[in-house]
Amino acid sequence: MDPVAWFLEYLQVERDLSPATVRAYASDLRQFTSFLHARAGKETAGKLDLSLVDLRSVRAFLGHLSSQGLEPSSLSRKLACLRSFFRFLNREGKMAGNPAKTLPTPTAPKKLPSILTVDETFRLLDGAGTSPKSRLRDRALLELLYSSGLRVGELVGLDLEDLDLEDGMVRVRGKGRKERLVPVGAKAGLALRRYTVEERRAAPSEPYALFLNLRGTRLSARSVHRFLSALSRRQENVGRISPHALRHSFATHLLSGGADLRAIQEMLGHRSLSTTQRYTQVDLDRLSRVYDEAHPRSRKKE
């Protein structure tokens, strides 16, 4: 059996990873296979020839990607994919050692997440709901993105049964299919009630999906990106906004309002607190700007 196909089946069946994650692993490993076979003068299609895999070939693959201008973050992801693949082959007795284990992980400068101010967020939300055919849906999905800090994949994966508007909670399936409960604010709850009662019309094939497209089937993440991009272009003095910017804004506004970092971590579904701690730096930067503008003895007043 093709070792790549075997590994992907393991990810899907035994580890129960999301289809999007499995597709990402498949893409990386197909690229690795094609590179090794081309380098050895073999047909690029077909199953991976493990005899071609060693430290030198893995290093050459990463060097090739780097020369093509791939970002360090993407290189790091591909290296992590190869390490997982080789560990799997080790456990199954198909490979001795892990040729990617000793390679250093490419590092990229840490980028602080882009966020909106509270006023910018409110203007964005107020600008939603202009399409006559999806007015209530558009407002409801934006309110929920900001109210609960969801990833766009989590948002479009919601079913009706995941909402508990009586208690103001939503059940979210995050990375690794881990479930968490996140509060839903009053404004989002009201928008969701109006959408589900007055506008939502499901096709027989998608009776349970919460957010639907105009055909009555589940809304895609790409559609949400397009909608938000078009909406942000209509806002003055605001650049292109992604769904993730609303998630970042959710976290930063909570922190600015005094929310506990551990609680924010739980709501965001972060495994590590260090991931959530990025928002403390965002908030410190904001405080520094306020100080510099307002304090008579600040650096800008010298």
C-alpha atoms as a PDB file:
ATOM      1  CA  MET A   1       0.000   0.000   0.000  1.00  0.00           C
ATOM      2  CA  ASP A   2       1.147   3.535  -0.703  1.00  0.00           C
ATOM      3  CA  PRO A   3       2.646   4.793   2.591  1.00  0.00           C
ATOM      4  CA  VAL A   4       1.107   8.235   2.044  1.00  0.00           C
ATOM      5  CA  ALA A   5      -2.394   6.812   1.525  1.00  0.00           C
ATOM      6  CA  TRP A   6      -1.901   4.580   4.581  1.00  0.00           C
ATOM      7  CA  PHE A   7      -0.909   7.596   6.706  1.00  0.00           C
ATOM      8  CA  LEU A   8      -3.844   9.688   5.483  1.00  0.00           C
ATOM      9  CA  GLU A   9      -6.251   6.872   6.318  1.00  0.00           C
ATOM     10  CA  TYR A  10      -4.755   6.738   9.815  1.00  0.00           C
ATOM     11  CA  LEU A  11      -5.275  10.512  10.232  1.00  0.00           C
ATOM     12  CA  GLN A  12      -8.861  10.303   9.058  1.00  0.00           C
ATOM     13  CA  VAL A  13     -10.013   7.096  10.776  1.00  0.00           C
ATOM     14  CA  GLU A  14      -7.940   6.728  13.931  1.00  0.00           C
ATOM     15  CA  ARG A  15      -7.100  10.331  14.779  1.00  0.00           C
ATOM     16  CA  ASP A  16     -10.411  11.671  13.414  1.00  0.00           C
ATOM     17  CA  LEU A  17      -8.820  14.835  12.054  1.00  0.00           C
ATOM     18  CA  SER A  18     -10.977  17.269  10.107  1.00  0.00           C
ATOM     19  CA  PRO A  19     -11.234  16.862   6.299  1.00  0.00           C
ATOM     20  CA  ALA A  20      -9.446  20.202   5.830  1.00  0.00           C
ATOM     21  CA  THR A  21      -6.483  19.048   7.947  1.00  0.00           C
ATOM     22  CA  VAL A  22      -6.250  15.739   6.107  1.00  0.00           C
ATOM     23  CA  ARG A  23      -6.316  17.584   2.766  1.00  0.00           C
ATOM     24  CA  ALA A  24      -3.444  19.803   3.934  1.00  0.00           C
ATOM     25  CA  TYR A  25      -1.351  16.742   4.906  1.00  0.00           C
ATOM     26  CA  ALA A  26      -2.183  15.096   1.568  1.00  0.00           C
ATOM     27  CA  SER A  27      -1.104  18.180  -0.402  1.00  0.00           C
ATOM     28  CA  ASP A  28       2.216  18.468   1.462  1.00  0.00           C
ATOM     29  CA  LEU A  29       3.041  14.782   1.052  1.00  0.00           C
ATOM     30  CA  ARG A  30       2.135  14.748  -2.654  1.00  0.00           C
ATOM     31  CA  GLN A  31       4.474  17.693  -3.129  1.00  0.00           C
ATOM     32  CA  PHE A  32       7.233  15.843  -1.237  1.00  0.00           C
ATOM     33  CA  THR A  33       6.687  12.694  -3.308  1.00  0.00           C
ATOM     34  CA  SER A  34       6.812  14.585  -6.617  1.00  0.00           C
ATOM     35  CA  PHE A  35      10.005  16.387  -5.591  1.00  0.00           C
ATOM     36  CA  LEU A  36      11.829  13.175  -4.585  1.00  0.00           C
ATOM     37  CA  HIS A  37      10.789  11.283  -7.704  1.00  0.00           C
ATOM     38  CA  ALA A  38      11.736  14.172 -10.021  1.00  0.00           C
ATOM     39  CA  ARG A  39      15.074  14.493  -8.230  1.00  0.00           C
ATOM     40  CA  ALA A  40      15.741  10.781  -8.796  1.00  0.00           C
ATOM     41  CA  GLY A  41      14.624  10.910 -12.438  1.00  0.00           C
ATOM     42  CA  LYS A  42      11.542   8.767 -11.807  1.00  0.00           C
ATOM     43  CA  GLU A  43       7.909   9.237 -12.726  1.00  0.00           C
ATOM     44  CA  THR A  44       6.535  11.892 -10.377  1.00  0.00           C
ATOM     45  CA  ALA A  45       3.176  10.119 -10.107  1.00  0.00           C
ATOM     46  CA  GLY A  46       2.678   6.946  -8.104  1.00  0.00           C
ATOM     47  CA  LYS A  47       3.343   5.878  -4.539  1.00  0.00           C
ATOM     48  CA  LEU A  48       6.250   7.269  -2.552  1.00  0.00           C
ATOM     49  CA  ASP A  49       9.501   5.343  -2.901  1.00  0.00           C
ATOM     50  CA  LEU A  50      10.767   5.245   0.704  1.00  0.00           C
ATOM     51  CA  SER A  51      14.266   4.287  -0.449  1.00  0.00           C
ATOM     52  CA  LEU A  52      14.653   7.903  -1.601  1.00  0.00           C
ATOM     53  CA  VAL A  53      13.920   9.335   1.840  1.00  0.00           C
ATOM     54  CA  ASP A  54      16.849  10.399   4.034  1.00  0.00           C
ATOM     55  CA  LEU A  55      18.098  13.493   5.855  1.00  0.00           C
ATOM     56  CA  ARG A  56      19.722  14.876   2.705  1.00  0.00           C
ATOM     57  CA  SER A  57      16.578  14.529   0.588  1.00  0.00           C
ATOM     58  CA  VAL A  58      14.371  16.147   3.237  1.00  0.00           C
ATOM     59  CA  ARG A  59      16.831  19.030   3.554  1.00  0.00           C
ATOM     60  CA  ALA A  60      16.906  19.394  -0.246  1.00  0.00           C
ATOM     61  CA  PHE A  61      13.094  19.502  -0.338  1.00  0.00           C
ATOM     62  CA  LEU A  62      12.935  22.290   2.224  1.00  0.00           C
ATOM     63  CA  GLY A  63      15.738  24.161   0.464  1.00  0.00           C
ATOM     64  CA  HIS A  64      13.839  23.931  -2.822  1.00  0.00           C
ATOM     65  CA  LEU A  65      10.684  25.330  -1.207  1.00  0.00           C
ATOM     66  CA  SER A  66      12.660  28.135   0.404  1.00  0.00           C
ATOM     67  CA  SER A  67      14.209  29.069  -2.960  1.00  0.00           C
ATOM     68  CA  GLN A  68      10.666  29.326  -4.355  1.00  0.00           C
ATOM     69  CA  GLY A  69       9.927  32.038  -1.798  1.00  0.00           C
ATOM     70  CA  LEU A  70       7.827  29.986   0.621  1.00  0.00           C
ATOM     71  CA  GLU A  71       7.279  31.752   3.945  1.00  0.00           C
ATOM     72  CA  PRO A  72       9.004  30.333   7.068  1.00  0.00           C
ATOM     73  CA  SER A  73       5.602  29.613   8.627  1.00  0.00           C
ATOM     74  CA  SER A  74       4.640  27.443   5.641  1.00  0.00           C
ATOM     75  CA  LEU A  75       8.024  25.703   5.681  1.00  0.00           C
ATOM     76  CA  SER A  76       7.541  24.990   9.375  1.00  0.00           C
ATOM     77  CA  ARG A  77       4.133  23.442   8.695  1.00  0.00           C
ATOM     78  CA  LYS A  78       5.482  21.190   5.956  1.00  0.00           C
ATOM     79  CA  LEU A  79       8.366  20.059   8.154  1.00  0.00           C
ATOM     80  CA  ALA A  80       5.902  19.232  10.959  1.00  0.00           C
ATOM     81  CA  CYS A  81       3.874  17.189   8.453  1.00  0.00           C
ATOM     82  CA  LEU A  82       6.953  15.180   7.444  1.00  0.00           C
ATOM     83  CA  ARG A  83       7.924  14.563  11.072  1.00  0.00           C
ATOM     84  CA  SER A  84       4.442  13.189  11.821  1.00  0.00           C
ATOM     85  CA  PHE A  85       4.544  11.039   8.682  1.00  0.00           C
ATOM     86  CA  PHE A  86       7.935   9.571   9.544  1.00  0.00           C
ATOM     87  CA  ARG A  87       6.916   8.911  13.169  1.00  0.00           C
ATOM     88  CA  PHE A  88       3.938   6.963  11.871  1.00  0.00           C
ATOM     89  CA  LEU A  89       6.174   4.891   9.575  1.00  0.00           C
ATOM     90  CA  ASN A  90       8.536   4.240  12.521  1.00  0.00           C
ATOM     91  CA  ARG A  91       5.688   2.888  14.643  1.00  0.00           C
ATOM     92  CA  GLU A  92       4.497   0.683  11.802  1.00  0.00           C
ATOM     93  CA  GLY A  93       7.997  -0.694  11.213  1.00  0.00           C
ATOM     94  CA  LYS A  94       8.290   0.730   7.702  1.00  0.00           C
ATOM     95  CA  MET A  95      11.159   3.134   8.413  1.00  0.00           C
ATOM     96  CA  ALA A  96      14.109   3.235  10.792  1.00  0.00           C
ATOM     97  CA  GLY A  97      14.692   6.629  12.347  1.00  0.00           C
ATOM     98  CA  ASN A  98      13.162   9.996  11.532  1.00  0.00           C
ATOM     99  CA  PRO A  99      15.179  11.933   8.924  1.00  0.00           C
ATOM    100  CA  ALA A 100      13.301  15.163   9.741  1.00  0.00           C
ATOM    101  CA  LYS A 101      13.826  14.990  13.506  1.00  0.00           C
ATOM    102  CA  THR A 102      17.134  16.861  13.707  1.00  0.00           C
ATOM    103  CA  LEU A 103      16.294  19.595  11.191  1.00  0.00           C
ATOM    104  CA  PRO A 104      15.744  23.018  12.796  1.00  0.00           C
ATOM    105  CA  THR A 105      12.251  24.433  12.528  1.00  0.00           C
ATOM    106  CA  PRO A 106      12.208  27.592  10.352  1.00  0.00           C
ATOM    107  CA  THR A 107      11.287  30.584  12.457  1.00  0.00           C
ATOM    108  CA  ALA A 108       9.423  33.657  11.314  1.00  0.00           C
ATOM    109  CA  PRO A 109       9.114  36.992  13.083  1.00  0.00           C
ATOM    110  CA  LYS A 110       6.054  36.908  15.298  1.00  0.00           C
ATOM    111  CA  LYS A 111       3.269  38.998  13.851  1.00  0.00           C
ATOM    112  CA  LEU A 112       0.790  40.548  16.202  1.00  0.00           C
ATOM    113  CA  PRO A 113      -2.782  39.854  15.135  1.00  0.00           C
ATOM    114  CA  SER A 114      -4.610  42.630  13.319  1.00  0.00           C
ATOM    115  CA  ILE A 115      -7.582  43.927  15.266  1.00  0.00           C
ATOM    116  CA  LEU A 116     -10.381  46.444  14.950  1.00  0.00           C
ATOM    117  CA  THR A 117     -11.208  49.068  17.507  1.00  0.00           C
ATOM    118  CA  VAL A 118     -14.569  48.781  19.236  1.00  0.00           C
ATOM    119  CA  ASP A 119     -15.935  51.639  17.115  1.00  0.00           C
ATOM    120  CA  GLU A 120     -14.666  50.040  13.887  1.00  0.00           C
ATOM    121  CA  THR A 121     -16.228  46.723  14.884  1.00  0.00           C
ATOM    122  CA  PHE A 122     -19.590  48.311  15.621  1.00  0.00           C
ATOM    123  CA  ARG A 123     -19.551  50.167  12.287  1.00  0.00           C
ATOM    124  CA  LEU A 124     -18.766  46.916  10.494  1.00  0.00           C
ATOM    125  CA  LEU A 125     -21.602  45.073  12.222  1.00  0.00           C
ATOM    126  CA  ASP A 126     -24.018  47.904  11.565  1.00  0.00           C
ATOM    127  CA  GLY A 127     -23.058  47.851   7.890  1.00  0.00           C
ATOM    128  CA  ALA A 128     -24.027  44.185   7.509  1.00  0.00           C
ATOM    129  CA  GLY A 129     -27.452  43.039   6.425  1.00  0.00           C
ATOM    130  CA  THR A 130     -27.846  45.124   3.270  1.00  0.00           C
ATOM    131  CA  SER A 131     -28.473  42.210   0.879  1.00  0.00           C
ATOM    132  CA  PRO A 132     -32.250  41.738   0.532  1.00  0.00           C
ATOM    133  CA  LYS A 133     -31.939  37.936   0.164  1.00  0.00           C
ATOM    134  CA  SER A 134     -29.535  37.290   3.053  1.00  0.00           C
ATOM    135  CA  ARG A 135     -29.943  40.366   5.237  1.00  0.00           C
ATOM    136  CA  LEU A 136     -30.664  38.574   8.514  1.00  0.00           C
ATOM    137  CA  ARG A 137     -28.158  35.771   7.897  1.00  0.00           C
ATOM    138  CA  ASP A 138     -25.321  38.197   7.203  1.00  0.00           C
ATOM    139  CA  ARG A 139     -25.994  40.151  10.379  1.00  0.00           C
ATOM    140  CA  ALA A 140     -26.364  36.965  12.460  1.00  0.00           C
ATOM    141  CA  LEU A 141     -23.113  35.364  11.305  1.00  0.00           C
ATOM    142  CA  LEU A 142     -21.084  38.538  11.849  1.00  0.00           C
ATOM    143  CA  GLU A 143     -22.596  39.105  15.281  1.00  0.00           C
ATOM    144  CA  LEU A 144     -21.758  35.505  16.226  1.00  0.00           C
ATOM    145  CA  LEU A 145     -18.185  35.729  14.884  1.00  0.00           C
ATOM    146  CA  TYR A 146     -17.514  38.754  17.065  1.00  0.00           C
ATOM    147  CA  SER A 147     -19.666  37.700  20.025  1.00  0.00           C
ATOM    148  CA  SER A 148     -18.054  34.284  20.465  1.00  0.00           C
ATOM    149  CA  GLY A 149     -14.645  34.558  18.753  1.00  0.00           C
ATOM    150  CA  LEU A 150     -15.206  31.610  16.420  1.00  0.00           C
ATOM    151  CA  ARG A 151     -12.910  30.496  13.647  1.00  0.00           C
ATOM    152  CA  VAL A 152     -14.646  30.713  10.281  1.00  0.00           C
ATOM    153  CA  GLY A 153     -14.500  26.918   9.878  1.00  0.00           C
ATOM    154  CA  GLU A 154     -16.181  26.514  13.258  1.00  0.00           C
ATOM    155  CA  LEU A 155     -18.851  29.028  12.274  1.00  0.00           C
ATOM    156  CA  VAL A 156     -19.890  27.354   9.031  1.00  0.00           C
ATOM    157  CA  GLY A 157     -19.748  23.916  10.690  1.00  0.00           C
ATOM    158  CA  LEU A 158     -22.447  24.815  13.227  1.00  0.00           C
ATOM    159  CA  ASP A 159     -25.772  23.007  13.241  1.00  0.00           C
ATOM    160  CA  LEU A 160     -29.049  24.283  14.646  1.00  0.00           C
ATOM    161  CA  GLU A 161     -28.759  21.921  17.591  1.00  0.00           C
ATOM    162  CA  ASP A 162     -25.443  23.534  18.601  1.00  0.00           C
ATOM    163  CA  LEU A 163     -27.258  26.726  19.594  1.00  0.00           C
ATOM    164  CA  ASP A 164     -28.778  27.126  23.037  1.00  0.00           C
ATOM    165  CA  LEU A 165     -30.141  30.642  22.915  1.00  0.00           C
ATOM    166  CA  GLU A 166     -32.117  30.210  26.124  1.00  0.00           C
ATOM    167  CA  ASP A 167     -28.880  29.861  28.090  1.00  0.00           C
ATOM    168  CA  GLY A 168     -26.884  32.001  25.654  1.00  0.00           C
ATOM    169  CA  MET A 169     -24.346  29.326  24.649  1.00  0.00           C
ATOM    170  CA  VAL A 170     -23.056  27.698  21.486  1.00  0.00           C
ATOM    171  CA  ARG A 171     -21.330  24.312  21.217  1.00  0.00           C
ATOM    172  CA  VAL A 172     -18.284  24.578  18.962  1.00  0.00           C
ATOM    173  CA  ARG A 173     -16.233  21.802  17.370  1.00  0.00           C
ATOM    174  CA  GLY A 174     -12.708  23.170  17.111  1.00  0.00           C
ATOM    175  CA  LYS A 175      -9.344  21.858  15.989  1.00  0.00           C
ATOM    176  CA  GLY A 176      -8.909  18.136  16.514  1.00  0.00           C
ATOM    177  CA  ARG A 177     -12.718  17.861  16.784  1.00  0.00           C
ATOM    178  CA  LYS A 178     -12.530  19.087  20.367  1.00  0.00           C
ATOM    179  CA  GLU A 179     -15.799  20.532  21.618  1.00  0.00           C
ATOM    180  CA  ARG A 180     -16.173  23.613  23.777  1.00  0.00           C
ATOM    181  CA  LEU A 181     -19.034  25.782  24.991  1.00  0.00           C
ATOM    182  CA  VAL A 182     -18.795  29.519  24.311  1.00  0.00           C
ATOM    183  CA  PRO A 183     -21.150  32.285  25.466  1.00  0.00           C
ATOM    184  CA  VAL A 184     -23.339  34.069  22.915  1.00  0.00           C
ATOM    185  CA  GLY A 185     -23.993  37.751  23.552  1.00  0.00           C
ATOM    186  CA  ALA A 186     -27.480  39.261  23.661  1.00  0.00           C
ATOM    187  CA  LYS A 187     -27.098  41.113  20.338  1.00  0.00           C
ATOM    188  CA  ALA A 188     -25.907  37.951  18.585  1.00  0.00           C
ATOM    189  CA  GLY A 189     -28.698  35.923  20.191  1.00  0.00           C
ATOM    190  CA  LEU A 190     -31.315  38.349  18.928  1.00  0.00           C
ATOM    191  CA  ALA A 191     -29.843  38.346  15.416  1.00  0.00           C
ATOM    192  CA  LEU A 192     -29.744  34.532  15.377  1.00  0.00           C
ATOM    193  CA  ARG A 193     -33.366  34.255  16.508  1.00  0.00           C
ATOM    194  CA  ARG A 194     -34.527  36.584  13.760  1.00  0.00           C
ATOM    195  CA  TYR A 195     -32.483  34.772  11.116  1.00  0.00           C
ATOM    196  CA  THR A 196     -33.609  31.255  12.051  1.00  0.00           C
ATOM    197  CA  VAL A 197     -37.288  32.234  12.324  1.00  0.00           C
ATOM    198  CA  GLU A 198     -37.713  34.738   9.497  1.00  0.00           C
ATOM    199  CA  GLU A 199     -35.162  33.971   6.789  1.00  0.00           C
ATOM    200  CA  ARG A 200     -33.507  30.561   7.053  1.00  0.00           C
ATOM    201  CA  ARG A 201     -34.828  28.122   4.412  1.00  0.00           C
ATOM    202  CA  ALA A 202     -33.015  24.790   4.282  1.00  0.00           C
ATOM    203  CA  ALA A 203     -32.805  22.426   1.331  1.00  0.00           C
ATOM    204  CA  PRO A 204     -33.735  18.791   2.090  1.00  0.00           C
ATOM    205  CA  SER A 205     -30.045  17.856   1.838  1.00  0.00           C
ATOM    206  CA  GLU A 206     -29.003  20.307   4.593  1.00  0.00           C
ATOM    207  CA  PRO A 207     -31.839  20.392   7.158  1.00  0.00           C
ATOM    208  CA  TYR A 208     -29.553  20.790  10.172  1.00  0.00           C
ATOM    209  CA  ALA A 209     -26.930  23.334   9.038  1.00  0.00           C
ATOM    210  CA  LEU A 210     -27.238  26.706  10.769  1.00  0.00           C
ATOM    211  CA  PHE A 211     -25.863  29.082   8.138  1.00  0.00           C
ATOM    212  CA  LEU A 212     -27.124  28.456   4.612  1.00  0.00           C
ATOM    213  CA  ASN A 213     -26.402  29.890   1.185  1.00  0.00           C
ATOM    214  CA  LEU A 214     -29.137  31.038  -1.189  1.00  0.00           C
ATOM    215  CA  ARG A 215     -29.590  27.451  -2.441  1.00  0.00           C
ATOM    216  CA  GLY A 216     -30.436  26.317   1.080  1.00  0.00           C
ATOM    217  CA  THR A 217     -27.236  24.301   1.577  1.00  0.00           C
ATOM    218  CA  ARG A 218     -24.464  24.859   4.109  1.00  0.00           C
ATOM    219  CA  LEU A 219     -22.572  28.120   3.707  1.00  0.00           C
ATOM    220  CA  SER A 220     -18.861  27.737   2.890  1.00  0.00           C
ATOM    221  CA  ALA A 221     -15.932  29.420   4.608  1.00  0.00           C
ATOM    222  CA  ARG A 222     -14.930  30.921   1.263  1.00  0.00           C
ATOM    223  CA  SER A 223     -18.329  32.619   0.965  1.00  0.00           C
ATOM    224  CA  VAL A 224     -17.895  34.172   4.414  1.00  0.00           C
ATOM    225  CA  HIS A 225     -14.462  35.492   3.419  1.00  0.00           C
ATOM    226  CA  ARG A 226     -15.875  37.009   0.219  1.00  0.00           C
ATOM    227  CA  PHE A 227     -18.806  38.589   2.019  1.00  0.00           C
ATOM    228  CA  LEU A 228     -16.624  40.135   4.736  1.00  0.00           C
ATOM    229  CA  SER A 229     -14.079  41.369   2.188  1.00  0.00           C
ATOM    230  CA  ALA A 230     -16.833  43.116   0.214  1.00  0.00           C
ATOM    231  CA  LEU A 231     -18.316  44.565   3.395  1.00  0.00           C
ATOM    232  CA  SER A 232     -14.960  45.914   4.618  1.00  0.00           C
ATOM    233  CA  ARG A 233     -14.357  47.670   1.283  1.00  0.00           C
ATOM    234  CA  ARG A 234     -17.405  49.798   2.016  1.00  0.00           C
ATOM    235  CA  GLN A 235     -15.941  50.966   5.349  1.00  0.00           C
ATOM    236  CA  GLU A 236     -13.953  54.187   5.442  1.00  0.00           C
ATOM    237  CA  ASN A 237     -10.366  54.103   6.760  1.00  0.00           C
ATOM    238  CA  VAL A 238     -10.484  50.349   7.365  1.00  0.00           C
ATOM    239  CA  GLY A 239      -8.402  47.889   5.367  1.00  0.00           C
ATOM    240  CA  ARG A 240      -9.464  44.468   4.199  1.00  0.00           C
ATOM    241  CA  ILE A 241     -10.976  42.544   7.088  1.00  0.00           C
ATOM    242  CA  SER A 242     -10.936  38.775   7.483  1.00  0.00           C
ATOM    243  CA  PRO A 243     -13.100  36.612   9.755  1.00  0.00           C
ATOM    244  CA  HIS A 244      -9.986  36.021  11.850  1.00  0.00           C
ATOM    245  CA  ALA A 245      -9.682  39.757  12.502  1.00  0.00           C
ATOM    246  CA  LEU A 246     -13.041  39.588  14.282  1.00  0.00           C
ATOM    247  CA  ARG A 247     -11.752  36.661  16.361  1.00  0.00           C
ATOM    248  CA  HIS A 248      -8.659  38.684  17.284  1.00  0.00           C
ATOM    249  CA  SER A 249     -10.817  41.694  18.093  1.00  0.00           C
ATOM    250  CA  PHE A 250     -13.070  39.551  20.290  1.00  0.00           C
ATOM    251  CA  ALA A 251     -10.076  38.406  22.354  1.00  0.00           C
ATOM    252  CA  THR A 252      -8.423  41.817  22.606  1.00  0.00           C
ATOM    253  CA  HIS A 253     -11.631  43.625  23.576  1.00  0.00           C
ATOM    254  CA  LEU A 254     -12.292  41.037  26.284  1.00  0.00           C
ATOM    255  CA  LEU A 255      -8.775  41.473  27.639  1.00  0.00           C
ATOM    256  CA  SER A 256      -9.097  45.262  27.581  1.00  0.00           C
ATOM    257  CA  GLY A 257     -12.347  44.918  29.508  1.00  0.00           C
ATOM    258  CA  GLY A 258     -10.639  42.958  32.272  1.00  0.00           C
ATOM    259  CA  ALA A 259     -11.383  39.362  31.280  1.00  0.00           C
ATOM    260  CA  ASP A 260      -9.126  36.637  32.681  1.00  0.00           C
ATOM    261  CA  LEU A 261      -6.547  35.288  30.215  1.00  0.00           C
ATOM    262  CA  ARG A 262      -7.398  31.673  31.092  1.00  0.00           C
ATOM    263  CA  ALA A 263     -11.085  32.291  30.357  1.00  0.00           C
ATOM    264  CA  ILE A 264     -10.179  33.829  26.982  1.00  0.00           C
ATOM    265  CA  GLN A 265      -7.984  30.807  26.233  1.00  0.00           C
ATOM    266  CA  GLU A 266     -10.915  28.492  26.946  1.00  0.00           C
ATOM    267  CA  MET A 267     -13.325  30.496  24.798  1.00  0.00           C
ATOM    268  CA  LEU A 268     -10.876  30.628  21.875  1.00  0.00           C
ATOM    269  CA  GLY A 269     -10.121  26.922  22.129  1.00  0.00           C
ATOM    270  CA  HIS A 270      -6.350  27.424  22.354  1.00  0.00           C
ATOM    271  CA  ARG A 271      -4.373  24.433  23.585  1.00  0.00           C
ATOM    272  CA  SER A 272      -1.574  26.566  24.967  1.00  0.00           C
ATOM    273  CA  LEU A 273      -1.835  29.701  27.063  1.00  0.00           C
ATOM    274  CA  SER A 274       1.203  31.090  25.215  1.00  0.00           C
ATOM    275  CA  THR A 275      -0.930  31.349  22.063  1.00  0.00           C
ATOM    276  CA  THR A 276      -3.493  33.437  23.918  1.00  0.00           C
ATOM    277  CA  GLN A 277      -0.788  35.595  25.481  1.00  0.00           C
ATOM    278  CA  ARG A 278      -0.202  37.282  22.108  1.00  0.00           C
ATOM    279  CA  TYR A 279      -3.186  39.426  22.949  1.00  0.00           C
ATOM    280  CA  THR A 280      -1.499  40.833  26.042  1.00  0.00           C
ATOM    281  CA  GLN A 281       1.151  42.304  23.744  1.00  0.00           C
ATOM    282  CA  VAL A 282      -1.537  43.812  21.520  1.00  0.00           C
ATOM    283  CA  ASP A 283      -3.143  45.401  24.573  1.00  0.00           C
ATOM    284  CA  LEU A 284       0.199  46.667  25.889  1.00  0.00           C
ATOM    285  CA  ASP A 285       0.907  48.265  22.508  1.00  0.00           C
ATOM    286  CA  ARG A 286      -2.464  49.993  22.639  1.00  0.00           C
ATOM    287  CA  LEU A 287      -1.797  51.272  26.161  1.00  0.00           C
ATOM    288  CA  SER A 288       1.622  52.553  25.085  1.00  0.00           C
ATOM    289  CA  ARG A 289       0.082  54.519  22.230  1.00  0.00           C
ATOM    290  CA  VAL A 290      -2.534  56.026  24.552  1.00  0.00           C
ATOM    291  CA  TYR A 291       0.185  56.949  27.051  1.00  0.00           C
ATOM    292  CA  ASP A 292       2.397  58.534  24.406  1.00  0.00           C
ATOM    293  CA  GLU A 293      -0.482  60.609  23.087  1.00  0.00           C
ATOM    294  CA  ALA A 294      -1.848  61.722  26.460  1.00  0.00           C
ATOM    295  CA  HIS A 295       0.874  61.916  29.095  1.00  0.00           C
ATOM    296  CA  PRO A 296       2.705  65.290  29.346  1.00  0.00           C
ATOM    297  CA  ARG A 297       6.036  63.553  30.046  1.00  0.00           C
ATOM    298  CA  SER A 298       5.766  60.844  27.412  1.00  0.00           C
ATOM    299  CA  ARG A 299       8.394  60.261  24.737  1.00  0.00           C
ATOM    300  CA  LYS A 300       6.331  62.116  22.144  1.00  0.00           C
ATOM    301  CA  LYS A 301       6.182  65.210  24.366  1.00  0.00           C
ATOM    302  CA  GLU A 302       9.962  65.483  24.778  1.00  0.00           C
END
